[in-house]
Amino acid sequence: MSTLKRKAAAEAGSEPKKIKQAGIMSFFGTASKSSDSNSNNNNNNSTNDSEPAPKFDKAKWVASLTPEQRKLLQLEIDTLHESWLALLKDELVTKEFLELKRFLERETAAGKQWFPPKEDVYSWYVFPYPSPHPLHRPNENNR
């Protein structure tokens, strides 16, 4: 059956298919210069080479939190670097994230343990976890 396919392909065109050599950017296409300049002028989220990005002010952000948010986000405030807080600040105050923090607070108050331990929750950005199985339980053999 495969020989029939080869014959049909050979009859359809005798010249081999040409492979187009292009970079990855050709896949996405290019925008015209005029649309690029208009999008930079109209989009506040775009970065402009002449203007530096505003520096994140951790103290100002913390001061803008409600007392409950500040209490729930104390771990993030204490452990996350400012560069991460600048990127995650909007996500940290979402209804869903704060509800997750309330749930973990209730679990802790009920005497339940959760993994990884609270002090290691944000250790992923500091250094590699020393265990091949980072979510093992205490006194459990690392196999």
Foldseek 3Di string as FASTA:
>chain_A
DVVVVVVVVCVVDVDDDDDDDDDPVVVVPDDDPVVVVVCVVVDPPDDDPVDDDDQDDLVVLLVPDDPLLCVLCVLVSPPPDSVVCVVCVVVSPDPVNSVVSVVVVVCVVVVHADPPGSNCPPVVVVDDDPAPDRGDDPPDDRD
